[in-house]
PDB file of N, CA and C in Angstrom:
ATOM      1  N   ARG A   1     122.546 113.173 139.175  1.00  0.00           N
ATOM      2  CA  ARG A   1     123.376 112.809 138.015  1.00  0.00           C
ATOM      3  C   ARG A   1     124.566 113.740 137.919  1.00  0.00           C
ATOM      4  N   ASP A   2     124.323 115.038 138.163  1.00  0.00           N
ATOM      5  CA  ASP A   2     125.459 116.011 138.040  1.00  0.00           C
ATOM      6  C   ASP A   2     126.544 115.720 139.050  1.00  0.00           C
ATOM      7  N   ARG A   3     126.269 115.117 140.195  1.00  0.00           N
ATOM      8  CA  ARG A   3     127.320 114.796 141.202  1.00  0.00           C
ATOM      9  C   ARG A   3     128.259 113.780 140.622  1.00  0.00           C
ATOM     10  N   GLU A   4     127.865 113.076 139.662  1.00  0.00           N
ATOM     11  CA  GLU A   4     128.688 112.082 139.016  1.00  0.00           C
ATOM     12  C   GLU A   4     130.019 112.669 138.531  1.00  0.00           C
ATOM     13  N   PHE A   5     130.005 113.998 138.219  1.00  0.00           N
ATOM     14  CA  PHE A   5     131.202 114.637 137.624  1.00  0.00           C
ATOM     15  C   PHE A   5     131.925 115.478 138.710  1.00  0.00           C
ATOM     16  N   GLU A   6     131.612 115.296 139.962  1.00  0.00           N
ATOM     17  CA  GLU A   6     132.264 115.936 141.034  1.00  0.00           C
ATOM     18  C   GLU A   6     133.101 114.962 141.821  1.00  0.00           C
ATOM     19  N   ASP A   7     134.154 115.444 142.425  1.00  0.00           N
ATOM     20  CA  ASP A   7     134.991 114.563 143.224  1.00  0.00           C
ATOM     21  C   ASP A   7     134.412 114.442 144.647  1.00  0.00           C
ATOM     22  N   VAL A   8     133.494 113.521 144.755  1.00  0.00           N
ATOM     23  CA  VAL A   8     132.787 113.360 146.027  1.00  0.00           C
ATOM     24  C   VAL A   8     133.216 112.076 146.800  1.00  0.00           C
ATOM     25  N   ILE A   9     133.844 111.180 146.123  1.00  0.00           N
ATOM     26  CA  ILE A   9     134.380 109.933 146.761  1.00  0.00           C
ATOM     27  C   ILE A   9     135.730 110.212 147.357  1.00  0.00           C
ATOM     28  N   THR A  10     135.881 109.973 148.629  1.00  0.00           N
ATOM     29  CA  THR A  10     137.096 110.315 149.338  1.00  0.00           C
ATOM     30  C   THR A  10     137.967 109.090 149.709  1.00  0.00           C
ATOM     31  N   SER A  11     137.491 107.886 149.513  1.00  0.00           N
ATOM     32  CA  SER A  11     138.309 106.698 149.851  1.00  0.00           C
ATOM     33  C   SER A  11     137.904 105.477 149.039  1.00  0.00           C
ATOM     34  N   ARG A  12     138.851 104.512 149.069  1.00  0.00           N
ATOM     35  CA  ARG A  12     138.618 103.274 148.316  1.00  0.00           C
ATOM     36  C   ARG A  12     137.401 102.575 148.935  1.00  0.00           C
ATOM     37  N   ALA A  13     137.333 102.590 150.259  1.00  0.00           N
ATOM     38  CA  ALA A  13     136.108 101.930 150.872  1.00  0.00           C
ATOM     39  C   ALA A  13     134.818 102.493 150.397  1.00  0.00           C
ATOM     40  N   GLU A  14     134.795 103.864 150.325  1.00  0.00           N
ATOM     41  CA  GLU A  14     133.560 104.539 149.931  1.00  0.00           C
ATOM     42  C   GLU A  14     133.268 104.206 148.458  1.00  0.00           C
ATOM     43  N   LEU A  15     134.314 104.171 147.661  1.00  0.00           N
ATOM     44  CA  LEU A  15     134.087 103.847 146.204  1.00  0.00           C
ATOM     45  C   LEU A  15     133.481 102.384 146.130  1.00  0.00           C
ATOM     46  N   LEU A  16     134.047 101.445 146.826  1.00  0.00           N
ATOM     47  CA  LEU A  16     133.585 100.030 146.766  1.00  0.00           C
ATOM     48  C   LEU A  16     132.188  99.959 147.258  1.00  0.00           C
ATOM     49  N   ALA A  17     131.844 100.720 148.357  1.00  0.00           N
ATOM     50  CA  ALA A  17     130.484 100.654 148.869  1.00  0.00           C
ATOM     51  C   ALA A  17     129.507 101.198 147.882  1.00  0.00           C
ATOM     52  N   LEU A  18     129.883 102.253 147.171  1.00  0.00           N
ATOM     53  CA  LEU A  18     128.945 102.782 146.110  1.00  0.00           C
ATOM     54  C   LEU A  18     128.886 101.823 144.931  1.00  0.00           C
ATOM     55  N   TRP A  19     129.989 101.203 144.563  1.00  0.00           N
ATOM     56  CA  TRP A  19     129.996 100.163 143.557  1.00  0.00           C
ATOM     57  C   TRP A  19     129.004  99.029 143.882  1.00  0.00           C
ATOM     58  N   GLU A  20     129.101  98.545 145.104  1.00  0.00           N
ATOM     59  CA  GLU A  20     128.199  97.419 145.527  1.00  0.00           C
ATOM     60  C   GLU A  20     126.745  97.873 145.547  1.00  0.00           C
ATOM     61  N   GLN A  21     126.512  99.138 146.028  1.00  0.00           N
ATOM     62  CA  GLN A  21     125.148  99.681 146.096  1.00  0.00           C
ATOM     63  C   GLN A  21     124.563  99.812 144.701  1.00  0.00           C
ATOM     64  N   GLY A  22     125.364 100.198 143.774  1.00  0.00           N
ATOM     65  CA  GLY A  22     124.936 100.329 142.353  1.00  0.00           C
ATOM     66  C   GLY A  22     124.527  99.035 141.747  1.00  0.00           C
ATOM     67  N   TRP A  23     125.401  98.030 141.930  1.00  0.00           N
ATOM     68  CA  TRP A  23     125.074  96.693 141.406  1.00  0.00           C
ATOM     69  C   TRP A  23     123.896  96.026 142.103  1.00  0.00           C
ATOM     70  N   LYS A  24     123.704  96.311 143.405  1.00  0.00           N
ATOM     71  CA  LYS A  24     122.588  95.798 144.103  1.00  0.00           C
ATOM     72  C   LYS A  24     121.334  96.347 143.495  1.00  0.00           C
ATOM     73  N   CYS A  25     121.304  97.670 143.243  1.00  0.00           N
ATOM     74  CA  CYS A  25     120.138  98.279 142.551  1.00  0.00           C
ATOM     75  C   CYS A  25     119.816  97.592 141.284  1.00  0.00           C
ATOM     76  N   VAL A  26     120.804  97.336 140.422  1.00  0.00           N
ATOM     77  CA  VAL A  26     120.575  96.670 139.101  1.00  0.00           C
ATOM     78  C   VAL A  26     119.944  95.215 139.392  1.00  0.00           C
ATOM     79  N   PHE A  27     120.559  94.441 140.214  1.00  0.00           N
ATOM     80  CA  PHE A  27     120.013  93.103 140.424  1.00  0.00           C
ATOM     81  C   PHE A  27     118.705  93.024 141.116  1.00  0.00           C
ATOM     82  N   ASP A  28     118.523  93.966 142.056  1.00  0.00           N
ATOM     83  CA  ASP A  28     117.170  94.054 142.710  1.00  0.00           C
ATOM     84  C   ASP A  28     116.113  94.344 141.606  1.00  0.00           C
ATOM     85  N   ALA A  29     116.395  95.231 140.687  1.00  0.00           N
ATOM     86  CA  ALA A  29     115.448  95.645 139.640  1.00  0.00           C
ATOM     87  C   ALA A  29     115.190  94.401 138.760  1.00  0.00           C
ATOM     88  N   LEU A  30     116.271  93.735 138.310  1.00  0.00           N
ATOM     89  CA  LEU A  30     116.073  92.560 137.478  1.00  0.00           C
ATOM     90  C   LEU A  30     115.331  91.420 138.191  1.00  0.00           C
ATOM     91  N   ASP A  31     115.482  91.260 139.486  1.00  0.00           N
ATOM     92  CA  ASP A  31     114.779  90.302 140.270  1.00  0.00           C
ATOM     93  C   ASP A  31     113.268  90.473 140.291  1.00  0.00           C
ATOM     94  N   THR A  32     112.807  91.679 139.958  1.00  0.00           N
ATOM     95  CA  THR A  32     111.380  91.972 139.975  1.00  0.00           C
ATOM     96  C   THR A  32     110.716  91.590 138.674  1.00  0.00           C
ATOM     97  N   VAL A  33     111.505  91.272 137.611  1.00  0.00           N
ATOM     98  CA  VAL A  33     110.981  90.949 136.345  1.00  0.00           C
ATOM     99  C   VAL A  33     110.517  89.520 136.334  1.00  0.00           C
ATOM    100  N   ASN A  34     109.243  89.258 135.856  1.00  0.00           N
ATOM    101  CA  ASN A  34     108.649  87.950 135.829  1.00  0.00           C
ATOM    102  C   ASN A  34     107.694  87.849 134.642  1.00  0.00           C
ATOM    103  N   ALA A  35     107.173  86.673 134.488  1.00  0.00           N
ATOM    104  CA  ALA A  35     106.241  86.432 133.367  1.00  0.00           C
ATOM    105  C   ALA A  35     105.067  87.412 133.375  1.00  0.00           C
ATOM    106  N   ASP A  36     104.632  87.749 134.529  1.00  0.00           N
ATOM    107  CA  ASP A  36     103.431  88.660 134.636  1.00  0.00           C
ATOM    108  C   ASP A  36     103.690  90.114 134.225  1.00  0.00           C
ATOM    109  N   ASN A  37     104.906  90.562 134.426  1.00  0.00           N
ATOM    110  CA  ASN A  37     105.246  91.993 134.101  1.00  0.00           C
ATOM    111  C   ASN A  37     106.203  92.175 132.973  1.00  0.00           C
ATOM    112  N   PHE A  38     106.568  91.109 132.332  1.00  0.00           N
ATOM    113  CA  PHE A  38     107.588  91.172 131.247  1.00  0.00           C
ATOM    114  C   PHE A  38     107.260  92.102 130.156  1.00  0.00           C
ATOM    115  N   ASP A  39     106.009  92.265 129.821  1.00  0.00           N
ATOM    116  CA  ASP A  39     105.556  93.107 128.757  1.00  0.00           C
ATOM    117  C   ASP A  39     105.333  94.532 129.216  1.00  0.00           C
ATOM    118  N   THR A  40     105.636  94.889 130.442  1.00  0.00           N
ATOM    119  CA  THR A  40     105.446  96.212 130.993  1.00  0.00           C
ATOM    120  C   THR A  40     106.347  97.221 130.240  1.00  0.00           C
ATOM    121  N   THR A  41     105.793  98.366 129.990  1.00  0.00           N
ATOM    122  CA  THR A  41     106.681  99.454 129.463  1.00  0.00           C
ATOM    123  C   THR A  41     107.351 100.167 130.656  1.00  0.00           C
ATOM    124  N   VAL A  42     108.717 100.329 130.451  1.00  0.00           N
ATOM    125  CA  VAL A  42     109.401 101.081 131.509  1.00  0.00           C
ATOM    126  C   VAL A  42     109.889 102.416 130.872  1.00  0.00           C
ATOM    127  N   TYR A  43     110.125 103.393 131.712  1.00  0.00           N
ATOM    128  CA  TYR A  43     110.548 104.693 131.230  1.00  0.00           C
ATOM    129  C   TYR A  43     111.915 105.059 131.799  1.00  0.00           C
ATOM    130  N   ILE A  44     112.795 105.491 130.907  1.00  0.00           N
ATOM    131  CA  ILE A  44     114.057 105.973 131.227  1.00  0.00           C
ATOM    132  C   ILE A  44     114.134 107.400 130.693  1.00  0.00           C
ATOM    133  N   ARG A  45     114.227 108.307 131.614  1.00  0.00           N
ATOM    134  CA  ARG A  45     114.216 109.823 131.308  1.00  0.00           C
ATOM    135  C   ARG A  45     112.999 110.100 130.409  1.00  0.00           C
ATOM    136  N   ALA A  46     111.823 109.561 130.791  1.00  0.00           N
ATOM    137  CA  ALA A  46     110.553 109.776 130.147  1.00  0.00           C
ATOM    138  C   ALA A  46     110.362 109.153 128.784  1.00  0.00           C
ATOM    139  N   GLN A  47     111.345 108.292 128.431  1.00  0.00           N
ATOM    140  CA  GLN A  47     111.254 107.642 127.114  1.00  0.00           C
ATOM    141  C   GLN A  47     110.874 106.172 127.366  1.00  0.00           C
ATOM    142  N   ALA A  48     109.840 105.742 126.612  1.00  0.00           N
ATOM    143  CA  ALA A  48     109.291 104.408 126.800  1.00  0.00           C
ATOM    144  C   ALA A  48     110.300 103.307 126.209  1.00  0.00           C
ATOM    145  N   HIS A  49     110.386 102.236 126.983  1.00  0.00           N
ATOM    146  CA  HIS A  49     111.211 101.131 126.537  1.00  0.00           C
ATOM    147  C   HIS A  49     110.540  99.782 126.967  1.00  0.00           C
ATOM    148  N   THR A  50     110.774  98.746 126.141  1.00  0.00           N
ATOM    149  CA  THR A  50     110.379  97.387 126.660  1.00  0.00           C
ATOM    150  C   THR A  50     111.435  97.061 127.688  1.00  0.00           C
ATOM    151  N   ILE A  51     111.195  96.052 128.454  1.00  0.00           N
ATOM    152  CA  ILE A  51     112.188  95.661 129.472  1.00  0.00           C
ATOM    153  C   ILE A  51     113.437  95.191 128.783  1.00  0.00           C
ATOM    154  N   ILE A  52     113.363  94.433 127.709  1.00  0.00           N
ATOM    155  CA  ILE A  52     114.564  94.020 126.982  1.00  0.00           C
ATOM    156  C   ILE A  52     115.377  95.260 126.479  1.00  0.00           C
ATOM    157  N   ASP A  53     114.656  96.248 125.907  1.00  0.00           N
ATOM    158  CA  ASP A  53     115.314  97.424 125.410  1.00  0.00           C
ATOM    159  C   ASP A  53     115.989  98.223 126.591  1.00  0.00           C
ATOM    160  N   ALA A  54     115.358  98.259 127.701  1.00  0.00           N
ATOM    161  CA  ALA A  54     115.935  99.002 128.894  1.00  0.00           C
ATOM    162  C   ALA A  54     117.139  98.275 129.331  1.00  0.00           C
ATOM    163  N   VAL A  55     117.082  96.957 129.430  1.00  0.00           N
ATOM    164  CA  VAL A  55     118.256  96.152 129.919  1.00  0.00           C
ATOM    165  C   VAL A  55     119.386  96.336 128.904  1.00  0.00           C
ATOM    166  N   ASN A  56     119.105  96.246 127.632  1.00  0.00           N
ATOM    167  CA  ASN A  56     120.173  96.448 126.626  1.00  0.00           C
ATOM    168  C   ASN A  56     120.773  97.834 126.712  1.00  0.00           C
ATOM    169  N   ARG A  57     119.923  98.821 126.841  1.00  0.00           N
ATOM    170  CA  ARG A  57     120.410 100.203 126.974  1.00  0.00           C
ATOM    171  C   ARG A  57     121.334 100.300 128.192  1.00  0.00           C
ATOM    172  N   GLN A  58     120.997  99.715 129.318  1.00  0.00           N
ATOM    173  CA  GLN A  58     121.845  99.797 130.495  1.00  0.00           C
ATOM    174  C   GLN A  58     123.133  99.014 130.340  1.00  0.00           C
ATOM    175  N   LEU A  59     123.087  97.844 129.628  1.00  0.00           N
ATOM    176  CA  LEU A  59     124.298  97.124 129.393  1.00  0.00           C
ATOM    177  C   LEU A  59     125.282  97.900 128.580  1.00  0.00           C
ATOM    178  N   CYS A  60     124.754  98.587 127.557  1.00  0.00           N
ATOM    179  CA  CYS A  60     125.652  99.461 126.740  1.00  0.00           C
ATOM    180  C   CYS A  60     126.210 100.595 127.567  1.00  0.00           C
ATOM    181  N   HIS A  61     125.419 101.156 128.435  1.00  0.00           N
ATOM    182  CA  HIS A  61     125.847 102.232 129.301  1.00  0.00           C
ATOM    183  C   HIS A  61     126.927 101.804 130.200  1.00  0.00           C
ATOM    184  N   TYR A  62     126.775 100.597 130.836  1.00  0.00           N
ATOM    185  CA  TYR A  62     127.774 100.024 131.751  1.00  0.00           C
ATOM    186  C   TYR A  62     129.048  99.727 131.004  1.00  0.00           C
ATOM    187  N   ALA A  63     128.915  99.184 129.817  1.00  0.00           N
ATOM    188  CA  ALA A  63     130.158  98.893 129.048  1.00  0.00           C
ATOM    189  C   ALA A  63     130.950 100.133 128.797  1.00  0.00           C
ATOM    190  N   TYR A  64     130.290 101.242 128.473  1.00  0.00           N
ATOM    191  CA  TYR A  64     130.937 102.535 128.300  1.00  0.00           C
ATOM    192  C   TYR A  64     131.693 102.912 129.491  1.00  0.00           C
ATOM    193  N   HIS A  65     131.131 102.764 130.680  1.00  0.00           N
ATOM    194  CA  HIS A  65     131.826 103.176 131.938  1.00  0.00           C
ATOM    195  C   HIS A  65     132.913 102.172 132.293  1.00  0.00           C
ATOM    196  N   VAL A  66     132.743 100.913 132.033  1.00  0.00           N
ATOM    197  CA  VAL A  66     133.824  99.945 132.259  1.00  0.00           C
ATOM    198  C   VAL A  66     135.018 100.238 131.405  1.00  0.00           C
ATOM    199  N   GLY A  67     134.771 100.679 130.156  1.00  0.00           N
ATOM    200  CA  GLY A  67     135.818 101.042 129.294  1.00  0.00           C
ATOM    201  C   GLY A  67     136.548 102.285 129.802  1.00  0.00           C
ATOM    202  N   GLN A  68     135.843 103.231 130.406  1.00  0.00           N
ATOM    203  CA  GLN A  68     136.514 104.363 131.078  1.00  0.00           C
ATOM    204  C   GLN A  68     137.373 103.897 132.201  1.00  0.00           C
ATOM    205  N   LEU A  69     136.886 102.987 132.967  1.00  0.00           N
ATOM    206  CA  LEU A  69     137.655 102.493 134.122  1.00  0.00           C
ATOM    207  C   LEU A  69     138.957 101.755 133.677  1.00  0.00           C
ATOM    208  N   VAL A  70     138.823 100.947 132.637  1.00  0.00           N
ATOM    209  CA  VAL A  70     139.930 100.283 132.108  1.00  0.00           C
ATOM    210  C   VAL A  70     140.995 101.202 131.612  1.00  0.00           C
ATOM    211  N   LEU A  71     140.539 102.263 130.819  1.00  0.00           N
ATOM    212  CA  LEU A  71     141.449 103.233 130.338  1.00  0.00           C
ATOM    213  C   LEU A  71     142.195 103.944 131.505  1.00  0.00           C
ATOM    214  N   LEU A  72     141.448 104.347 132.532  1.00  0.00           N
ATOM    215  CA  LEU A  72     142.096 105.006 133.691  1.00  0.00           C
ATOM    216  C   LEU A  72     143.103 104.106 134.333  1.00  0.00           C
ATOM    217  N   GLY A  73     142.775 102.804 134.477  1.00  0.00           N
ATOM    218  CA  GLY A  73     143.686 101.843 135.058  1.00  0.00           C
ATOM    219  C   GLY A  73     144.904 101.720 134.219  1.00  0.00           C
ATOM    220  N   ARG A  74     144.758 101.645 132.934  1.00  0.00           N
ATOM    221  CA  ARG A  74     145.936 101.555 131.997  1.00  0.00           C
ATOM    222  C   ARG A  74     146.807 102.775 132.131  1.00  0.00           C
ATOM    223  N   ILE A  75     146.200 103.928 132.221  1.00  0.00           N
ATOM    224  CA  ILE A  75     146.953 105.162 132.313  1.00  0.00           C
ATOM    225  C   ILE A  75     147.723 105.215 133.725  1.00  0.00           C
ATOM    226  N   LEU A  76     147.031 104.877 134.770  1.00  0.00           N
ATOM    227  CA  LEU A  76     147.639 104.886 136.081  1.00  0.00           C
ATOM    228  C   LEU A  76     148.685 103.859 136.257  1.00  0.00           C
ATOM    229  N   LYS A  77     148.544 102.695 135.651  1.00  0.00           N
ATOM    230  CA  LYS A  77     149.480 101.576 135.807  1.00  0.00           C
ATOM    231  C   LYS A  77     150.743 101.741 134.926  1.00  0.00           C
ATOM    232  N   GLY A  78     150.563 102.525 133.807  1.00  0.00           N
ATOM    233  CA  GLY A  78     151.676 102.780 132.917  1.00  0.00           C
ATOM    234  C   GLY A  78     152.295 101.504 132.345  1.00  0.00           C
ATOM    235  N   GLU A  79     153.625 101.412 132.455  1.00  0.00           N
ATOM    236  CA  GLU A  79     154.377 100.279 131.963  1.00  0.00           C
ATOM    237  C   GLU A  79     153.997  98.983 132.711  1.00  0.00           C
ATOM    238  N   GLY A  80     153.489  99.055 133.873  1.00  0.00           N
ATOM    239  CA  GLY A  80     153.077  97.866 134.596  1.00  0.00           C
ATOM    240  C   GLY A  80     151.736  97.278 134.201  1.00  0.00           C
ATOM    241  N   TRP A  81     151.065  97.910 133.212  1.00  0.00           N
ATOM    242  CA  TRP A  81     149.735  97.444 132.760  1.00  0.00           C
ATOM    243  C   TRP A  81     149.861  96.078 132.150  1.00  0.00           C
ATOM    244  N   ARG A  82     148.936  95.213 132.517  1.00  0.00           N
ATOM    245  CA  ARG A  82     148.846  93.864 131.930  1.00  0.00           C
ATOM    246  C   ARG A  82     147.561  93.825 131.105  1.00  0.00           C
ATOM    247  N   SER A  83     147.632  93.470 129.870  1.00  0.00           N
ATOM    248  CA  SER A  83     146.547  93.457 129.002  1.00  0.00           C
ATOM    249  C   SER A  83     145.400  92.598 129.524  1.00  0.00           C
ATOM    250  N   LEU A  84     144.154  93.014 129.370  1.00  0.00           N
ATOM    251  CA  LEU A  84     143.031  92.248 129.786  1.00  0.00           C
ATOM    252  C   LEU A  84     142.562  91.284 128.731  1.00  0.00           C
ATOM    253  N   SER A  85     143.193  91.375 127.533  1.00  0.00           N
ATOM    254  CA  SER A  85     142.817  90.468 126.502  1.00  0.00           C
ATOM    255  C   SER A  85     144.124  90.025 125.749  1.00  0.00           C
ATOM    256  N   ILE A  86     144.225  90.186 124.460  1.00  0.00           N
ATOM    257  CA  ILE A  86     145.394  89.810 123.721  1.00  0.00           C
ATOM    258  C   ILE A  86     146.346  90.935 123.741  1.00  0.00           C
ATOM    259  N   PRO A  87     147.610  90.770 124.246  1.00  0.00           N
ATOM    260  CA  PRO A  87     148.499  91.884 124.271  1.00  0.00           C
ATOM    261  C   PRO A  87     148.925  92.348 122.868  1.00  0.00           C
ATOM    262  N   ARG A  88     149.306  93.514 122.765  1.00  0.00           N
ATOM    263  CA  ARG A  88     149.783  94.082 121.500  1.00  0.00           C
ATOM    264  C   ARG A  88     150.899  93.194 120.913  1.00  0.00           C
ATOM    265  N   GLY A  89     150.762  92.804 119.648  1.00  0.00           N
ATOM    266  CA  GLY A  89     151.742  91.983 119.002  1.00  0.00           C
ATOM    267  C   GLY A  89     151.587  90.455 119.381  1.00  0.00           C
ATOM    268  N   GLY A  90     150.523  90.164 120.113  1.00  0.00           N
ATOM    269  CA  GLY A  90     150.392  88.782 120.584  1.00  0.00           C
ATOM    270  C   GLY A  90     149.293  87.979 119.854  1.00  0.00           C
ATOM    271  N   SER A  91     148.750  88.547 118.826  1.00  0.00           N
ATOM    272  CA  SER A  91     147.563  87.866 118.186  1.00  0.00           C
ATOM    273  C   SER A  91     147.993  86.530 117.555  1.00  0.00           C
ATOM    274  N   SER A  92     149.120  86.479 116.921  1.00  0.00           N
ATOM    275  CA  SER A  92     149.529  85.188 116.287  1.00  0.00           C
ATOM    276  C   SER A  92     149.720  84.095 117.271  1.00  0.00           C
ATOM    277  N   THR A  93     150.407  84.389 118.377  1.00  0.00           N
ATOM    278  CA  THR A  93     150.671  83.374 119.482  1.00  0.00           C
ATOM    279  C   THR A  93     149.340  82.979 120.068  1.00  0.00           C
ATOM    280  N   PHE A  94     148.448  83.976 120.350  1.00  0.00           N
ATOM    281  CA  PHE A  94     147.185  83.656 120.956  1.00  0.00           C
ATOM    282  C   PHE A  94     146.361  82.760 120.046  1.00  0.00           C
ATOM    283  N   ASN A  95     146.284  83.091 118.735  1.00  0.00           N
ATOM    284  CA  ASN A  95     145.502  82.291 117.850  1.00  0.00           C
ATOM    285  C   ASN A  95     146.062  80.820 117.708  1.00  0.00           C
ATOM    286  N   GLN A  96     147.387  80.710 117.705  1.00  0.00           N
ATOM    287  CA  GLN A  96     147.994  79.393 117.568  1.00  0.00           C
ATOM    288  C   GLN A  96     147.613  78.504 118.810  1.00  0.00           C
ATOM    289  N   GLU A  97     147.632  79.185 119.972  1.00  0.00           N
ATOM    290  CA  GLU A  97     147.217  78.401 121.207  1.00  0.00           C
ATOM    291  C   GLU A  97     145.774  78.116 121.195  1.00  0.00           C
ATOM    292  N   LYS A  98     144.935  79.063 120.824  1.00  0.00           N
ATOM    293  CA  LYS A  98     143.480  78.826 120.900  1.00  0.00           C
ATOM    294  C   LYS A  98     143.050  77.771 119.856  1.00  0.00           C
ATOM    295  N   PHE A  99     143.418  78.008 118.575  1.00  0.00           N
ATOM    296  CA  PHE A  99     143.040  77.137 117.516  1.00  0.00           C
ATOM    297  C   PHE A  99     143.783  75.795 117.559  1.00  0.00           C
ATOM    298  N   GLY A 100     144.925  75.817 118.198  1.00  0.00           N
ATOM    299  CA  GLY A 100     145.693  74.541 118.298  1.00  0.00           C
ATOM    300  C   GLY A 100     144.983  73.517 119.136  1.00  0.00           C
ATOM    301  N   ARG A 101     144.086  73.867 120.006  1.00  0.00           N
ATOM    302  CA  ARG A 101     143.342  72.966 120.808  1.00  0.00           C
ATOM    303  C   ARG A 101     142.095  72.334 120.150  1.00  0.00           C
ATOM    304  N   GLY A 102     141.791  72.958 119.012  1.00  0.00           N
ATOM    305  CA  GLY A 102     140.564  72.507 118.311  1.00  0.00           C
ATOM    306  C   GLY A 102     139.280  72.994 119.069  1.00  0.00           C
ATOM    307  N   ALA A 103     138.193  72.622 118.552  1.00  0.00           N
ATOM    308  CA  ALA A 103     136.891  73.055 119.207  1.00  0.00           C
ATOM    309  C   ALA A 103     136.885  72.431 120.608  1.00  0.00           C
ATOM    310  N   HIS A 104     136.484  73.263 121.573  1.00  0.00           N
ATOM    311  CA  HIS A 104     136.424  72.806 122.983  1.00  0.00           C
ATOM    312  C   HIS A 104     135.393  73.628 123.749  1.00  0.00           C
ATOM    313  N   GLY A 105     135.001  73.085 124.871  1.00  0.00           N
ATOM    314  CA  GLY A 105     134.095  73.806 125.783  1.00  0.00           C
ATOM    315  C   GLY A 105     134.793  74.678 126.742  1.00  0.00           C
ATOM    316  N   GLY A 106     134.121  75.205 127.690  1.00  0.00           N
ATOM    317  CA  GLY A 106     134.694  76.040 128.704  1.00  0.00           C
ATOM    318  C   GLY A 106     134.242  77.473 128.540  1.00  0.00           C
ATOM    319  N   HIS A 107     134.729  78.335 129.406  1.00  0.00           N
ATOM    320  CA  HIS A 107     134.453  79.762 129.361  1.00  0.00           C
ATOM    321  C   HIS A 107     135.665  80.500 128.859  1.00  0.00           C
ATOM    322  N   PHE A 108     135.459  81.581 128.172  1.00  0.00           N
ATOM    323  CA  PHE A 108     136.569  82.294 127.587  1.00  0.00           C
ATOM    324  C   PHE A 108     137.507  82.860 128.620  1.00  0.00           C
ATOM    325  N   THR A 109     137.086  82.908 129.910  1.00  0.00           N
ATOM    326  CA  THR A 109     137.986  83.455 130.969  1.00  0.00           C
ATOM    327  C   THR A 109     138.784  82.333 131.653  1.00  0.00           C
ATOM    328  N   ASP A 110     138.567  81.068 131.259  1.00  0.00           N
ATOM    329  CA  ASP A 110     139.231  79.960 131.879  1.00  0.00           C
ATOM    330  C   ASP A 110     140.754  80.056 131.839  1.00  0.00           C
ATOM    331  N   ASP A 111     141.302  80.637 130.783  1.00  0.00           N
ATOM    332  CA  ASP A 111     142.771  80.727 130.595  1.00  0.00           C
ATOM    333  C   ASP A 111     143.433  81.941 131.240  1.00  0.00           C
ATOM    334  N   LEU A 112     142.644  82.753 131.912  1.00  0.00           N
ATOM    335  CA  LEU A 112     143.228  83.947 132.575  1.00  0.00           C
ATOM    336  C   LEU A 112     144.027  83.476 133.779  1.00  0.00           C
ATOM    337  N   LYS A 113     145.149  84.112 133.958  1.00  0.00           N
ATOM    338  CA  LYS A 113     145.981  83.767 135.120  1.00  0.00           C
ATOM    339  C   LYS A 113     145.916  84.891 136.194  1.00  0.00           C
TER     340      LYS A 113
END
């Protein structure tokens, strides 16, 4: 865990390989959950969790880190940053477009360009 705070990644390729390795670990673990073991207690840093609590804890943890990555991207991109959601000052236009279509199906990312 302490190496997380050291500059040990030296290339984009290495970063992406570690990114993929991390997500593989997550999905491999989730793939082991089934009806027979769903009520199993799991431990994170010696603290007991239900599987649902452990997954929720990890989702919150990942969201925290994704926020860090987005902030770094925004800082590095500067004026070239493109908002990932509603741009500053764009709420009124966004709401007119969204609500102007009425209730509809689809995924919230369908309108991303």
